[in-house]
C-alpha atoms as a PDB file:
ATOM      1  CA  UNK A   1      79.233 -74.893  96.095  1.00  0.00           C
ATOM      2  CA  UNK A   2      78.808 -73.100  93.161  1.00  0.00           C
ATOM      3  CA  UNK A   3      82.305 -74.495  91.215  1.00  0.00           C
ATOM      4  CA  UNK A   4      80.200 -78.148  92.260  1.00  0.00           C
ATOM      5  CA  UNK A   5      77.334 -76.679  90.312  1.00  0.00           C
ATOM      6  CA  UNK A   6      78.626 -75.001  87.755  1.00  0.00           C
ATOM      7  CA  UNK A   7      79.961 -78.416  86.711  1.00  0.00           C
ATOM      8  CA  UNK A   8      77.453 -80.396  86.831  1.00  0.00           C
ATOM      9  CA  UNK A   9      75.513 -77.857  84.585  1.00  0.00           C
ATOM     10  CA  UNK A  10      78.096 -78.241  82.326  1.00  0.00           C
ATOM     11  CA  UNK A  11      78.698 -82.281  82.815  1.00  0.00           C
ATOM     12  CA  UNK A  12      75.296 -82.585  81.470  1.00  0.00           C
ATOM     13  CA  UNK A  13      74.546 -79.997  78.945  1.00  0.00           C
ATOM     14  CA  UNK A  14      77.289 -82.298  77.066  1.00  0.00           C
ATOM     15  CA  UNK A  15      75.052 -85.080  77.553  1.00  0.00           C
ATOM     16  CA  UNK A  16      72.850 -83.092  76.431  1.00  0.00           C
ATOM     17  CA  UNK A  17      74.756 -82.571  73.431  1.00  0.00           C
ATOM     18  CA  UNK A  18      76.316 -86.231  72.978  1.00  0.00           C
ATOM     19  CA  UNK A  19      72.690 -87.414  73.492  1.00  0.00           C
ATOM     20  CA  UNK A  20      71.178 -85.395  70.525  1.00  0.00           C
ATOM     21  CA  UNK A  21      73.903 -85.595  67.728  1.00  0.00           C
ATOM     22  CA  UNK A  22      73.900 -89.275  68.675  1.00  0.00           C
ATOM     23  CA  UNK A  23      70.151 -89.605  68.223  1.00  0.00           C
ATOM     24  CA  UNK A  24      71.054 -87.839  64.326  1.00  0.00           C
ATOM     25  CA  UNK A  25      73.761 -90.450  63.620  1.00  0.00           C
ATOM     26  CA  UNK A  26      76.955 -88.663  64.250  1.00  0.00           C
ATOM     27  CA  UNK A  27      79.445 -88.327  66.866  1.00  0.00           C
ATOM     28  CA  UNK A  28      79.496 -84.906  69.206  1.00  0.00           C
ATOM     29  CA  UNK A  29      83.337 -84.241  68.339  1.00  0.00           C
ATOM     30  CA  UNK A  30      84.376 -82.479  65.159  1.00  0.00           C
ATOM     31  CA  UNK A  31      88.516 -82.331  65.263  1.00  0.00           C
ATOM     32  CA  UNK A  32      89.833 -80.009  62.345  1.00  0.00           C
ATOM     33  CA  UNK A  33      93.835 -79.610  61.096  1.00  0.00           C
ATOM     34  CA  UNK A  34      94.416 -76.394  59.260  1.00  0.00           C
ATOM     35  CA  UNK A  35      96.878 -74.606  56.789  1.00  0.00           C
ATOM     36  CA  UNK A  36      96.630 -70.938  58.044  1.00  0.00           C
ATOM     37  CA  UNK A  37      97.142 -67.641  55.972  1.00  0.00           C
ATOM     38  CA  UNK A  38      97.412 -64.573  58.936  1.00  0.00           C
ATOM     39  CA  UNK A  39      96.917 -61.222  56.793  1.00  0.00           C
ATOM     40  CA  UNK A  40      97.273 -57.949  58.725  1.00  0.00           C
ATOM     41  CA  UNK A  41      95.394 -54.857  59.098  1.00  0.00           C
ATOM     42  CA  UNK A  42      98.274 -53.402  60.285  1.00  0.00           C
ATOM     43  CA  UNK A  43      96.248 -50.454  61.201  1.00  0.00           C
ATOM     44  CA  UNK A  44      98.507 -48.058  63.819  1.00  0.00           C
ATOM     45  CA  UNK A  45      97.633 -44.905  65.089  1.00  0.00           C
ATOM     46  CA  UNK A  46     101.485 -44.218  67.118  1.00  0.00           C
ATOM     47  CA  UNK A  47     103.172 -42.446  64.524  1.00  0.00           C
ATOM     48  CA  UNK A  48     105.787 -44.424  63.946  1.00  0.00           C
ATOM     49  CA  UNK A  49     104.207 -46.496  61.229  1.00  0.00           C
ATOM     50  CA  UNK A  50     104.226 -49.521  62.956  1.00  0.00           C
ATOM     51  CA  UNK A  51     103.294 -53.417  61.272  1.00  0.00           C
ATOM     52  CA  UNK A  52     104.026 -56.823  61.399  1.00  0.00           C
ATOM     53  CA  UNK A  53     104.298 -59.205  58.296  1.00  0.00           C
ATOM     54  CA  UNK A  54     101.592 -61.988  57.133  1.00  0.00           C
ATOM     55  CA  UNK A  55     102.570 -65.292  57.795  1.00  0.00           C
ATOM     56  CA  UNK A  56     101.219 -68.882  57.125  1.00  0.00           C
ATOM     57  CA  UNK A  57     101.114 -72.179  59.991  1.00  0.00           C
ATOM     58  CA  UNK A  58      99.672 -75.009  61.147  1.00  0.00           C
ATOM     59  CA  UNK A  59      96.580 -75.086  63.361  1.00  0.00           C
ATOM     60  CA  UNK A  60      95.043 -77.448  65.524  1.00  0.00           C
ATOM     61  CA  UNK A  61      91.019 -76.987  66.310  1.00  0.00           C
ATOM     62  CA  UNK A  62      88.420 -79.088  68.444  1.00  0.00           C
ATOM     63  CA  UNK A  63      84.358 -78.447  68.162  1.00  0.00           C
ATOM     64  CA  UNK A  64      82.165 -80.059  70.336  1.00  0.00           C
ATOM     65  CA  UNK A  65      78.452 -80.240  69.088  1.00  0.00           C
ATOM     66  CA  UNK A  66      75.417 -79.406  71.540  1.00  0.00           C
ATOM     67  CA  UNK A  67      72.791 -80.404  68.947  1.00  0.00           C
ATOM     68  CA  UNK A  68      72.786 -81.185  65.047  1.00  0.00           C
ATOM     69  CA  UNK A  69      73.036 -76.822  64.434  1.00  0.00           C
ATOM     70  CA  UNK A  70      74.751 -75.314  68.181  1.00  0.00           C
ATOM     71  CA  UNK A  71      77.996 -76.239  68.367  1.00  0.00           C
ATOM     72  CA  UNK A  72      81.551 -74.771  69.900  1.00  0.00           C
ATOM     73  CA  UNK A  73      84.507 -74.940  68.470  1.00  0.00           C
ATOM     74  CA  UNK A  74      87.966 -74.121  70.290  1.00  0.00           C
ATOM     75  CA  UNK A  75      90.930 -73.078  67.873  1.00  0.00           C
ATOM     76  CA  UNK A  76      94.489 -73.373  69.335  1.00  0.00           C
ATOM     77  CA  UNK A  77      98.354 -73.274  67.661  1.00  0.00           C
ATOM     78  CA  UNK A  78     101.639 -72.938  69.142  1.00  0.00           C
ATOM     79  CA  UNK A  79     103.059 -69.180  69.726  1.00  0.00           C
ATOM     80  CA  UNK A  80     103.289 -67.453  66.145  1.00  0.00           C
ATOM     81  CA  UNK A  81     106.785 -65.756  66.089  1.00  0.00           C
ATOM     82  CA  UNK A  82     105.954 -62.210  64.499  1.00  0.00           C
ATOM     83  CA  UNK A  83     108.475 -59.557  62.723  1.00  0.00           C
ATOM     84  CA  UNK A  84     107.749 -55.259  63.851  1.00  0.00           C
ATOM     85  CA  UNK A  85     108.443 -52.684  60.958  1.00  0.00           C
ATOM     86  CA  UNK A  86     109.027 -49.257  61.625  1.00  0.00           C
ATOM     87  CA  UNK A  87     107.746 -47.369  57.741  1.00  0.00           C
ATOM     88  CA  UNK A  88     108.777 -50.954  57.019  1.00  0.00           C
ATOM     89  CA  UNK A  89     111.967 -51.326  58.125  1.00  0.00           C
ATOM     90  CA  UNK A  90     112.679 -53.860  60.899  1.00  0.00           C
ATOM     91  CA  UNK A  91     113.335 -52.798  64.207  1.00  0.00           C
ATOM     92  CA  UNK A  92     112.289 -56.372  66.637  1.00  0.00           C
ATOM     93  CA  UNK A  93     109.803 -59.212  67.389  1.00  0.00           C
ATOM     94  CA  UNK A  94     107.591 -60.764  68.745  1.00  0.00           C
ATOM     95  CA  UNK A  95     105.772 -63.358  69.817  1.00  0.00           C
ATOM     96  CA  UNK A  96     101.124 -64.246  70.343  1.00  0.00           C
ATOM     97  CA  UNK A  97      99.143 -66.960  71.377  1.00  0.00           C
ATOM     98  CA  UNK A  98      96.418 -66.168  69.835  1.00  0.00           C
ATOM     99  CA  UNK A  99      93.201 -69.174  71.374  1.00  0.00           C
ATOM    100  CA  UNK A 100      89.731 -68.506  69.999  1.00  0.00           C
ATOM    101  CA  UNK A 101      86.220 -69.737  71.592  1.00  0.00           C
ATOM    102  CA  UNK A 102      83.768 -69.505  69.048  1.00  0.00           C
ATOM    103  CA  UNK A 103      79.679 -70.496  69.226  1.00  0.00           C
ATOM    104  CA  UNK A 104      78.543 -71.688  66.066  1.00  0.00           C
ATOM    105  CA  UNK A 105      75.496 -72.115  64.145  1.00  0.00           C
ATOM    106  CA  UNK A 106      75.864 -75.253  61.206  1.00  0.00           C
ATOM    107  CA  UNK A 107      73.581 -75.207  58.219  1.00  0.00           C
ATOM    108  CA  UNK A 108      72.731 -79.201  57.677  1.00  0.00           C
ATOM    109  CA  UNK A 109      70.431 -79.476  55.315  1.00  0.00           C
ATOM    110  CA  UNK A 110      72.517 -78.940  52.134  1.00  0.00           C
ATOM    111  CA  UNK A 111      73.729 -81.666  50.096  1.00  0.00           C
ATOM    112  CA  UNK A 112      77.230 -81.560  49.267  1.00  0.00           C
ATOM    113  CA  UNK A 113      78.596 -79.455  51.860  1.00  0.00           C
ATOM    114  CA  UNK A 114      77.859 -77.862  55.367  1.00  0.00           C
ATOM    115  CA  UNK A 115      77.906 -74.249  56.002  1.00  0.00           C
ATOM    116  CA  UNK A 116      77.981 -72.776  59.151  1.00  0.00           C
ATOM    117  CA  UNK A 117      79.321 -69.357  60.916  1.00  0.00           C
ATOM    118  CA  UNK A 118      80.204 -68.335  64.031  1.00  0.00           C
ATOM    119  CA  UNK A 119      80.938 -65.921  66.541  1.00  0.00           C
ATOM    120  CA  UNK A 120      83.221 -65.546  69.808  1.00  0.00           C
ATOM    121  CA  UNK A 121      86.406 -64.536  71.832  1.00  0.00           C
ATOM    122  CA  UNK A 122      90.168 -64.393  71.631  1.00  0.00           C
ATOM    123  CA  UNK A 123      92.527 -63.760  74.155  1.00  0.00           C
ATOM    124  CA  UNK A 124      96.058 -62.873  73.036  1.00  0.00           C
ATOM    125  CA  UNK A 125      98.884 -63.222  75.255  1.00  0.00           C
ATOM    126  CA  UNK A 126     102.142 -61.310  74.217  1.00  0.00           C
ATOM    127  CA  UNK A 127     105.882 -62.590  74.537  1.00  0.00           C
ATOM    128  CA  UNK A 128     109.561 -62.673  73.557  1.00  0.00           C
ATOM    129  CA  UNK A 129     108.867 -58.692  73.011  1.00  0.00           C
ATOM    130  CA  UNK A 130     112.341 -57.178  71.325  1.00  0.00           C
ATOM    131  CA  UNK A 131     111.561 -53.989  70.352  1.00  0.00           C
ATOM    132  CA  UNK A 132     113.710 -50.315  70.879  1.00  0.00           C
ATOM    133  CA  UNK A 133     114.521 -49.525  74.009  1.00  0.00           C
ATOM    134  CA  UNK A 134     111.839 -47.665  75.367  1.00  0.00           C
ATOM    135  CA  UNK A 135     108.945 -49.044  73.759  1.00  0.00           C
ATOM    136  CA  UNK A 136     107.032 -51.721  74.788  1.00  0.00           C
ATOM    137  CA  UNK A 137     103.537 -53.313  74.704  1.00  0.00           C
ATOM    138  CA  UNK A 138     100.683 -54.771  76.452  1.00  0.00           C
ATOM    139  CA  UNK A 139     100.709 -58.606  77.089  1.00  0.00           C
ATOM    140  CA  UNK A 140      97.682 -59.330  77.693  1.00  0.00           C
ATOM    141  CA  UNK A 141      94.319 -58.757  75.317  1.00  0.00           C
ATOM    142  CA  UNK A 142      91.584 -59.560  74.142  1.00  0.00           C
ATOM    143  CA  UNK A 143      88.690 -58.856  71.513  1.00  0.00           C
ATOM    144  CA  UNK A 144      86.078 -60.521  68.804  1.00  0.00           C
ATOM    145  CA  UNK A 145      86.253 -62.916  66.529  1.00  0.00           C
ATOM    146  CA  UNK A 146      84.317 -63.565  63.356  1.00  0.00           C
ATOM    147  CA  UNK A 147      84.028 -66.656  61.197  1.00  0.00           C
ATOM    148  CA  UNK A 148      82.337 -68.602  58.200  1.00  0.00           C
ATOM    149  CA  UNK A 149      83.619 -71.347  56.802  1.00  0.00           C
ATOM    150  CA  UNK A 150      82.079 -75.343  55.466  1.00  0.00           C
ATOM    151  CA  UNK A 151      82.760 -78.545  55.620  1.00  0.00           C
ATOM    152  CA  UNK A 152      82.589 -81.099  52.663  1.00  0.00           C
ATOM    153  CA  UNK A 153      82.318 -84.240  53.099  1.00  0.00           C
ATOM    154  CA  UNK A 154      83.980 -87.071  52.414  1.00  0.00           C
ATOM    155  CA  UNK A 155      82.736 -89.858  54.310  1.00  0.00           C
ATOM    156  CA  UNK A 156      80.696 -90.977  57.100  1.00  0.00           C
ATOM    157  CA  UNK A 157      84.024 -89.278  59.262  1.00  0.00           C
ATOM    158  CA  UNK A 158      86.313 -87.582  57.299  1.00  0.00           C
ATOM    159  CA  UNK A 159      85.546 -84.122  55.547  1.00  0.00           C
ATOM    160  CA  UNK A 160      87.608 -80.969  53.521  1.00  0.00           C
ATOM    161  CA  UNK A 161      87.318 -77.465  55.638  1.00  0.00           C
ATOM    162  CA  UNK A 162      87.553 -74.244  54.003  1.00  0.00           C
ATOM    163  CA  UNK A 163      87.404 -71.216  56.479  1.00  0.00           C
ATOM    164  CA  UNK A 164      87.415 -67.578  56.999  1.00  0.00           C
ATOM    165  CA  UNK A 165      87.910 -65.659  60.177  1.00  0.00           C
ATOM    166  CA  UNK A 166      88.468 -61.843  60.870  1.00  0.00           C
ATOM    167  CA  UNK A 167      89.827 -61.887  65.160  1.00  0.00           C
ATOM    168  CA  UNK A 168      90.182 -58.395  66.632  1.00  0.00           C
ATOM    169  CA  UNK A 169      93.896 -58.308  68.342  1.00  0.00           C
ATOM    170  CA  UNK A 170      95.322 -55.410  69.118  1.00  0.00           C
ATOM    171  CA  UNK A 171      97.523 -53.911  71.932  1.00  0.00           C
ATOM    172  CA  UNK A 172      98.904 -50.312  73.066  1.00  0.00           C
ATOM    173  CA  UNK A 173     101.896 -49.405  72.390  1.00  0.00           C
ATOM    174  CA  UNK A 174     104.344 -47.418  74.546  1.00  0.00           C
ATOM    175  CA  UNK A 175     107.388 -45.177  74.667  1.00  0.00           C
ATOM    176  CA  UNK A 176     108.701 -45.721  78.437  1.00  0.00           C
ATOM    177  CA  UNK A 177     105.864 -46.251  80.207  1.00  0.00           C
ATOM    178  CA  UNK A 178     104.027 -43.325  78.282  1.00  0.00           C
ATOM    179  CA  UNK A 179     100.757 -44.287  75.980  1.00  0.00           C
ATOM    180  CA  UNK A 180     101.818 -42.719  72.166  1.00  0.00           C
ATOM    181  CA  UNK A 181      98.993 -45.293  70.732  1.00  0.00           C
ATOM    182  CA  UNK A 182      97.547 -48.862  69.263  1.00  0.00           C
ATOM    183  CA  UNK A 183      98.404 -51.050  67.059  1.00  0.00           C
ATOM    184  CA  UNK A 184      95.518 -53.188  65.463  1.00  0.00           C
ATOM    185  CA  UNK A 185      96.689 -56.924  64.541  1.00  0.00           C
ATOM    186  CA  UNK A 186      93.068 -57.297  63.047  1.00  0.00           C
ATOM    187  CA  UNK A 187      94.151 -60.094  60.937  1.00  0.00           C
ATOM    188  CA  UNK A 188      92.167 -62.305  58.738  1.00  0.00           C
ATOM    189  CA  UNK A 189      92.359 -65.689  58.692  1.00  0.00           C
ATOM    190  CA  UNK A 190      92.434 -67.872  55.171  1.00  0.00           C
ATOM    191  CA  UNK A 191      92.296 -71.801  56.119  1.00  0.00           C
ATOM    192  CA  UNK A 192      91.664 -74.763  54.628  1.00  0.00           C
ATOM    193  CA  UNK A 193      92.524 -78.288  56.240  1.00  0.00           C
ATOM    194  CA  UNK A 194      91.230 -81.756  56.636  1.00  0.00           C
ATOM    195  CA  UNK A 195      87.963 -82.899  59.684  1.00  0.00           C
ATOM    196  CA  UNK A 196      87.754 -85.326  61.287  1.00  0.00           C
ATOM    197  CA  UNK A 197      84.233 -86.356  63.407  1.00  0.00           C
ATOM    198  CA  UNK A 198      83.313 -89.483  66.096  1.00  0.00           C
END
């Protein structure tokens, strides 16, 4: 019964958001494709001098506008392979998949551009961990995310997007099952892309 009530409430919220967005002359959905540069903080407390590489990859995100100003964004990508270093020498690798959900506020009264800010959570799944014998990581982690960006409309539907996120990703590191510290990746994500609203 509770699941049915939650489902009905979610559908009602989406319906209200759709009506309000349509009343403003814009569709409630915004889909973006971005190119993202991941710049890791690489803070390590294990004493092993652990770090991962920076990289550039593609990203797809879906934004739903509940009103003219309030929206939710789901950020998706494919699992990313990262090289793991100890004191700048590669010792292994892992893959991580960090989908992120953000609640946003969009400033819509400015001419020629539409800035926004957001905050939310990410869930990171570590797979394909390949490290020296005895070393291991947590496979699941939750963390916060902060965001700021701007959409520059090209016409009624299309826009150019610039976006910056701070995503808090960390994992405990174990040596033969004993925790020896924490690796904080905590990357800055710098992105540019195109969006389509409908």
